[in-house]
Amino acid sequence: MTLDSCAMSIFEMLRLEVCNTKSRLKILLDDEIVQLVHSYDPQNFGNFTEIASGGSALVYNVYWKSTSRFAIKKYKSFNKEAIINEIYLTGMVNPHQNIIQFYGVTKLK
């Protein structure tokens, strides 16, 4: 089994569930929590300015509660597996100083 096929099989087993508080999501691997993710209310974001676009997503500069500035990545099409994999991988490298900090998810219309 190659490293790529091993990684693919792990990503295929990841799943997302809502926690009891509804402000957090959990990523599970074999029914074990491997990551907790904060879920933000989309109504708290405003002043969207597109700053980048790619094949699968748009990136916006936004303000949260009119004070803090964040970047939001909005996917052009919904692919649940790809999104869960990206959240999981981003969370794994989150503490690295050269990686943009990942704070959580929201659902934009």
N, C-alpha and C. Protein backbone atom coordinates (compact mmCIF):
# COMPACT_ATOMS: atom_id res chain seq x y z
N MET A 1 0.84 -1.17 0.00
CA MET A 1 0.00 0.00 0.00
C MET A 1 0.89 1.24 0.00
N THR A 2 0.65 2.15 -0.90
CA THR A 2 1.46 3.37 -0.98
C THR A 2 0.96 4.39 0.03
N LEU A 3 1.78 5.42 0.27
CA LEU A 3 1.41 6.49 1.18
C LEU A 3 0.15 7.20 0.69
N ASP A 4 0.07 7.43 -0.64
CA ASP A 4 -1.10 8.09 -1.21
C ASP A 4 -2.37 7.28 -0.99
N SER A 5 -2.31 5.97 -1.21
CA SER A 5 -3.51 5.15 -1.04
C SER A 5 -3.89 5.04 0.44
N CYS A 6 -2.90 5.05 1.32
CA CYS A 6 -3.16 5.02 2.76
C CYS A 6 -3.85 6.32 3.18
N ALA A 7 -3.35 7.46 2.71
CA ALA A 7 -3.95 8.75 3.03
C ALA A 7 -5.36 8.82 2.48
N MET A 8 -5.58 8.34 1.27
CA MET A 8 -6.92 8.38 0.68
C MET A 8 -7.89 7.56 1.50
N SER A 9 -7.46 6.40 2.01
CA SER A 9 -8.38 5.58 2.78
C SER A 9 -8.73 6.26 4.11
N ILE A 10 -7.81 7.01 4.71
CA ILE A 10 -8.11 7.74 5.94
C ILE A 10 -9.13 8.83 5.64
N PHE A 11 -8.93 9.59 4.56
CA PHE A 11 -9.84 10.68 4.23
C PHE A 11 -11.23 10.17 3.90
N GLU A 12 -11.33 9.00 3.33
CA GLU A 12 -12.63 8.43 3.02
C GLU A 12 -13.40 8.05 4.28
N MET A 13 -12.69 7.85 5.40
CA MET A 13 -13.33 7.45 6.65
C MET A 13 -13.69 8.63 7.54
N LEU A 14 -13.24 9.84 7.20
CA LEU A 14 -13.57 11.02 8.00
C LEU A 14 -15.03 11.39 7.82
N ARG A 15 -15.67 11.83 8.91
CA ARG A 15 -17.03 12.33 8.79
C ARG A 15 -17.24 13.47 9.77
N LEU A 16 -18.25 14.26 9.50
CA LEU A 16 -18.53 15.47 10.25
C LEU A 16 -19.85 15.33 10.99
N GLU A 17 -19.89 15.76 12.26
CA GLU A 17 -21.12 15.75 13.04
C GLU A 17 -21.24 17.05 13.82
N VAL A 18 -22.46 17.46 14.10
CA VAL A 18 -22.71 18.64 14.92
C VAL A 18 -22.63 18.24 16.38
N CYS A 19 -21.94 19.05 17.20
CA CYS A 19 -21.90 18.81 18.65
C CYS A 19 -23.21 19.29 19.27
N ASN A 20 -23.39 18.99 20.53
CA ASN A 20 -24.61 19.39 21.24
C ASN A 20 -24.79 20.90 21.29
N THR A 21 -23.69 21.65 21.31
CA THR A 21 -23.78 23.11 21.44
C THR A 21 -24.16 23.80 20.15
N LYS A 22 -24.06 23.15 19.03
CA LYS A 22 -24.33 23.67 17.68
C LYS A 22 -23.36 24.76 17.25
N SER A 23 -22.49 25.22 18.15
CA SER A 23 -21.47 26.18 17.74
C SER A 23 -20.15 25.46 17.46
N ARG A 24 -20.18 24.15 17.57
CA ARG A 24 -18.99 23.34 17.27
C ARG A 24 -19.39 22.15 16.41
N LEU A 25 -18.45 21.76 15.57
CA LEU A 25 -18.58 20.55 14.77
C LEU A 25 -17.46 19.62 15.17
N LYS A 26 -17.68 18.34 15.02
CA LYS A 26 -16.59 17.40 15.31
C LYS A 26 -16.30 16.58 14.07
N ILE A 27 -15.02 16.38 13.83
CA ILE A 27 -14.57 15.50 12.75
C ILE A 27 -14.22 14.17 13.40
N LEU A 28 -14.82 13.11 12.89
CA LEU A 28 -14.63 11.78 13.46
C LEU A 28 -13.91 10.86 12.50
N LEU A 29 -13.10 10.00 13.07
CA LEU A 29 -12.42 8.94 12.33
C LEU A 29 -12.68 7.66 13.11
N ASP A 30 -13.37 6.72 12.53
CA ASP A 30 -13.75 5.48 13.21
C ASP A 30 -14.48 5.78 14.52
N ASP A 31 -15.44 6.71 14.48
CA ASP A 31 -16.26 7.10 15.62
C ASP A 31 -15.47 7.73 16.77
N GLU A 32 -14.25 8.13 16.53
CA GLU A 32 -13.43 8.81 17.53
C GLU A 32 -13.21 10.25 17.08
N ILE A 33 -13.41 11.19 17.99
CA ILE A 33 -13.23 12.61 17.65
C ILE A 33 -11.74 12.88 17.43
N VAL A 34 -11.41 13.38 16.24
CA VAL A 34 -10.02 13.72 15.93
C VAL A 34 -9.80 15.23 15.88
N GLN A 35 -10.92 15.98 15.80
CA GLN A 35 -10.80 17.43 15.71
C GLN A 35 -12.13 18.08 16.03
N LEU A 36 -12.09 19.20 16.79
CA LEU A 36 -13.27 20.02 17.03
C LEU A 36 -13.11 21.31 16.24
N VAL A 37 -14.18 21.75 15.61
CA VAL A 37 -14.15 22.93 14.75
C VAL A 37 -15.25 23.88 15.19
N HIS A 38 -14.92 25.16 15.35
CA HIS A 38 -15.92 26.16 15.72
C HIS A 38 -16.79 26.49 14.51
N SER A 39 -18.08 26.63 14.74
CA SER A 39 -19.03 26.99 13.68
C SER A 39 -19.57 28.39 13.99
N TYR A 40 -19.35 29.33 13.07
CA TYR A 40 -19.75 30.73 13.26
C TYR A 40 -21.08 31.03 12.58
N ASP A 41 -21.88 31.88 13.20
CA ASP A 41 -23.13 32.34 12.62
C ASP A 41 -22.81 33.25 11.43
N PRO A 42 -23.30 32.93 10.23
CA PRO A 42 -22.96 33.74 9.05
C PRO A 42 -23.47 35.18 9.12
N GLN A 43 -24.47 35.44 9.94
CA GLN A 43 -25.01 36.80 10.06
C GLN A 43 -24.04 37.75 10.75
N ASN A 44 -23.01 37.22 11.41
CA ASN A 44 -22.03 38.07 12.10
C ASN A 44 -20.94 38.56 11.17
N PHE A 45 -20.95 38.14 9.91
CA PHE A 45 -19.94 38.57 8.94
C PHE A 45 -20.53 39.63 8.01
N GLY A 46 -19.69 40.60 7.63
CA GLY A 46 -20.15 41.63 6.72
C GLY A 46 -19.02 42.25 5.94
N ASN A 47 -19.35 43.17 5.05
CA ASN A 47 -18.36 43.89 4.22
C ASN A 47 -17.47 42.93 3.43
N PHE A 48 -18.09 42.08 2.63
CA PHE A 48 -17.37 41.09 1.83
C PHE A 48 -16.65 41.77 0.66
N THR A 49 -15.35 41.52 0.54
CA THR A 49 -14.57 42.01 -0.59
C THR A 49 -13.79 40.83 -1.15
N GLU A 50 -14.05 40.48 -2.41
CA GLU A 50 -13.33 39.35 -3.02
C GLU A 50 -11.86 39.71 -3.17
N ILE A 51 -10.97 38.82 -2.67
CA ILE A 51 -9.53 39.08 -2.77
C ILE A 51 -8.79 38.04 -3.62
N ALA A 52 -9.44 36.90 -3.88
CA ALA A 52 -8.79 35.87 -4.71
C ALA A 52 -9.85 34.90 -5.20
N SER A 53 -9.51 34.19 -6.29
CA SER A 53 -10.39 33.13 -6.77
C SER A 53 -9.54 32.04 -7.40
N GLY A 54 -10.05 30.84 -7.35
CA GLY A 54 -9.35 29.71 -7.93
C GLY A 54 -10.36 28.80 -8.60
N GLY A 55 -9.93 27.62 -8.96
CA GLY A 55 -10.79 26.68 -9.64
C GLY A 55 -11.95 26.19 -8.81
N SER A 56 -11.75 26.09 -7.48
CA SER A 56 -12.81 25.51 -6.65
C SER A 56 -13.39 26.46 -5.62
N ALA A 57 -12.77 27.66 -5.45
CA ALA A 57 -13.25 28.53 -4.37
C ALA A 57 -12.95 30.00 -4.63
N LEU A 58 -13.68 30.85 -3.90
CA LEU A 58 -13.44 32.28 -3.87
C LEU A 58 -12.97 32.62 -2.46
N VAL A 59 -12.11 33.63 -2.34
CA VAL A 59 -11.65 34.06 -1.02
C VAL A 59 -12.06 35.51 -0.83
N TYR A 60 -12.67 35.78 0.33
CA TYR A 60 -13.17 37.11 0.64
C TYR A 60 -12.48 37.66 1.89
N ASN A 61 -12.26 38.95 1.91
CA ASN A 61 -11.87 39.67 3.11
C ASN A 61 -13.19 40.10 3.75
N VAL A 62 -13.41 39.76 5.03
CA VAL A 62 -14.67 40.08 5.70
C VAL A 62 -14.40 40.62 7.09
N TYR A 63 -15.41 41.24 7.66
CA TYR A 63 -15.35 41.68 9.05
C TYR A 63 -16.34 40.87 9.86
N TRP A 64 -15.89 40.42 11.02
CA TRP A 64 -16.73 39.66 11.93
C TRP A 64 -17.18 40.60 13.04
N LYS A 65 -18.48 40.72 13.21
CA LYS A 65 -19.09 41.62 14.21
C LYS A 65 -18.56 43.04 14.07
N SER A 66 -18.27 43.43 12.83
CA SER A 66 -17.80 44.79 12.48
C SER A 66 -16.48 45.18 13.14
N THR A 67 -15.72 44.22 13.67
CA THR A 67 -14.47 44.57 14.33
C THR A 67 -13.26 43.82 13.79
N SER A 68 -13.27 42.51 13.86
CA SER A 68 -12.12 41.70 13.48
C SER A 68 -12.18 41.36 12.00
N ARG A 69 -11.04 41.41 11.34
CA ARG A 69 -10.96 41.10 9.91
C ARG A 69 -10.50 39.66 9.72
N PHE A 70 -11.17 38.95 8.81
CA PHE A 70 -10.86 37.56 8.51
C PHE A 70 -10.88 37.35 7.00
N ALA A 71 -10.32 36.23 6.58
CA ALA A 71 -10.48 35.76 5.20
C ALA A 71 -11.42 34.57 5.25
N ILE A 72 -12.37 34.54 4.32
CA ILE A 72 -13.31 33.42 4.22
C ILE A 72 -13.16 32.79 2.84
N LYS A 73 -13.06 31.46 2.84
CA LYS A 73 -13.00 30.71 1.59
C LYS A 73 -14.39 30.15 1.32
N LYS A 74 -14.96 30.51 0.18
CA LYS A 74 -16.29 30.03 -0.20
C LYS A 74 -16.15 29.12 -1.40
N TYR A 75 -16.58 27.88 -1.23
CA TYR A 75 -16.47 26.89 -2.31
C TYR A 75 -17.49 27.18 -3.40
N LYS A 76 -17.07 27.00 -4.65
CA LYS A 76 -17.97 27.23 -5.79
C LYS A 76 -19.01 26.13 -5.92
N SER A 77 -18.63 24.92 -5.58
CA SER A 77 -19.58 23.81 -5.59
C SER A 77 -19.40 23.01 -4.30
N PHE A 78 -20.45 22.35 -3.87
CA PHE A 78 -20.43 21.63 -2.61
C PHE A 78 -19.95 20.21 -2.81
N ASN A 79 -18.79 19.89 -2.21
CA ASN A 79 -18.26 18.53 -2.20
C ASN A 79 -17.89 18.24 -0.75
N LYS A 80 -18.82 17.62 -0.03
CA LYS A 80 -18.67 17.42 1.41
C LYS A 80 -17.35 16.75 1.78
N GLU A 81 -16.98 15.68 1.07
CA GLU A 81 -15.72 14.97 1.38
C GLU A 81 -14.51 15.88 1.24
N ALA A 82 -14.45 16.64 0.16
CA ALA A 82 -13.31 17.53 -0.08
C ALA A 82 -13.23 18.61 1.00
N ILE A 83 -14.37 19.14 1.40
CA ILE A 83 -14.39 20.18 2.43
C ILE A 83 -13.94 19.61 3.78
N ILE A 84 -14.45 18.46 4.16
CA ILE A 84 -14.05 17.82 5.42
C ILE A 84 -12.56 17.53 5.40
N ASN A 85 -12.04 17.02 4.29
CA ASN A 85 -10.60 16.74 4.19
C ASN A 85 -9.78 18.01 4.35
N GLU A 86 -10.20 19.09 3.73
CA GLU A 86 -9.45 20.34 3.83
C GLU A 86 -9.49 20.89 5.26
N ILE A 87 -10.65 20.83 5.91
CA ILE A 87 -10.74 21.28 7.30
C ILE A 87 -9.81 20.45 8.18
N TYR A 88 -9.82 19.15 7.99
CA TYR A 88 -8.97 18.24 8.78
C TYR A 88 -7.49 18.55 8.57
N LEU A 89 -7.07 18.66 7.33
CA LEU A 89 -5.66 18.93 7.04
C LEU A 89 -5.23 20.31 7.54
N THR A 90 -6.09 21.31 7.36
CA THR A 90 -5.78 22.65 7.83
C THR A 90 -5.63 22.65 9.35
N GLY A 91 -6.49 21.94 10.03
CA GLY A 91 -6.38 21.84 11.48
C GLY A 91 -5.10 21.17 11.94
N MET A 92 -4.62 20.22 11.17
CA MET A 92 -3.37 19.53 11.52
C MET A 92 -2.16 20.45 11.44
N VAL A 93 -2.14 21.38 10.49
CA VAL A 93 -0.98 22.28 10.32
C VAL A 93 -1.24 23.65 10.94
N ASN A 94 -2.37 23.82 11.60
CA ASN A 94 -2.77 25.12 12.14
C ASN A 94 -1.72 25.83 13.00
N PRO A 95 -1.01 25.14 13.87
CA PRO A 95 -0.06 25.87 14.72
C PRO A 95 1.20 26.37 14.00
N HIS A 96 1.40 26.01 12.75
CA HIS A 96 2.63 26.39 12.06
C HIS A 96 2.63 27.88 11.75
N GLN A 97 3.74 28.54 12.00
CA GLN A 97 3.83 30.00 11.83
C GLN A 97 3.70 30.47 10.39
N ASN A 98 3.95 29.61 9.42
CA ASN A 98 3.86 30.01 8.01
C ASN A 98 2.52 29.66 7.37
N ILE A 99 1.57 29.17 8.16
CA ILE A 99 0.25 28.80 7.65
C ILE A 99 -0.78 29.77 8.23
N ILE A 100 -1.69 30.24 7.39
CA ILE A 100 -2.75 31.12 7.87
C ILE A 100 -3.58 30.38 8.89
N GLN A 101 -3.86 31.02 10.02
CA GLN A 101 -4.61 30.42 11.12
C GLN A 101 -6.03 30.06 10.70
N PHE A 102 -6.47 28.85 11.02
CA PHE A 102 -7.82 28.38 10.74
C PHE A 102 -8.65 28.55 12.01
N TYR A 103 -9.77 29.31 11.92
CA TYR A 103 -10.60 29.57 13.10
C TYR A 103 -11.88 28.76 13.13
N GLY A 104 -12.42 28.39 11.98
CA GLY A 104 -13.66 27.63 11.98
C GLY A 104 -14.38 27.73 10.65
N VAL A 105 -15.66 27.37 10.69
CA VAL A 105 -16.48 27.32 9.47
C VAL A 105 -17.75 28.13 9.65
N THR A 106 -18.36 28.49 8.54
CA THR A 106 -19.68 29.11 8.52
C THR A 106 -20.38 28.66 7.25
N LYS A 107 -21.65 28.86 7.17
CA LYS A 107 -22.39 28.48 5.98
C LYS A 107 -22.96 29.72 5.33
N LEU A 108 -22.37 30.10 4.19
CA LEU A 108 -22.81 31.28 3.45
C LEU A 108 -23.79 30.89 2.38
N LYS A 109 -24.65 31.79 2.00
CA LYS A 109 -25.63 31.53 0.94
C LYS A 109 -25.07 31.96 -0.39
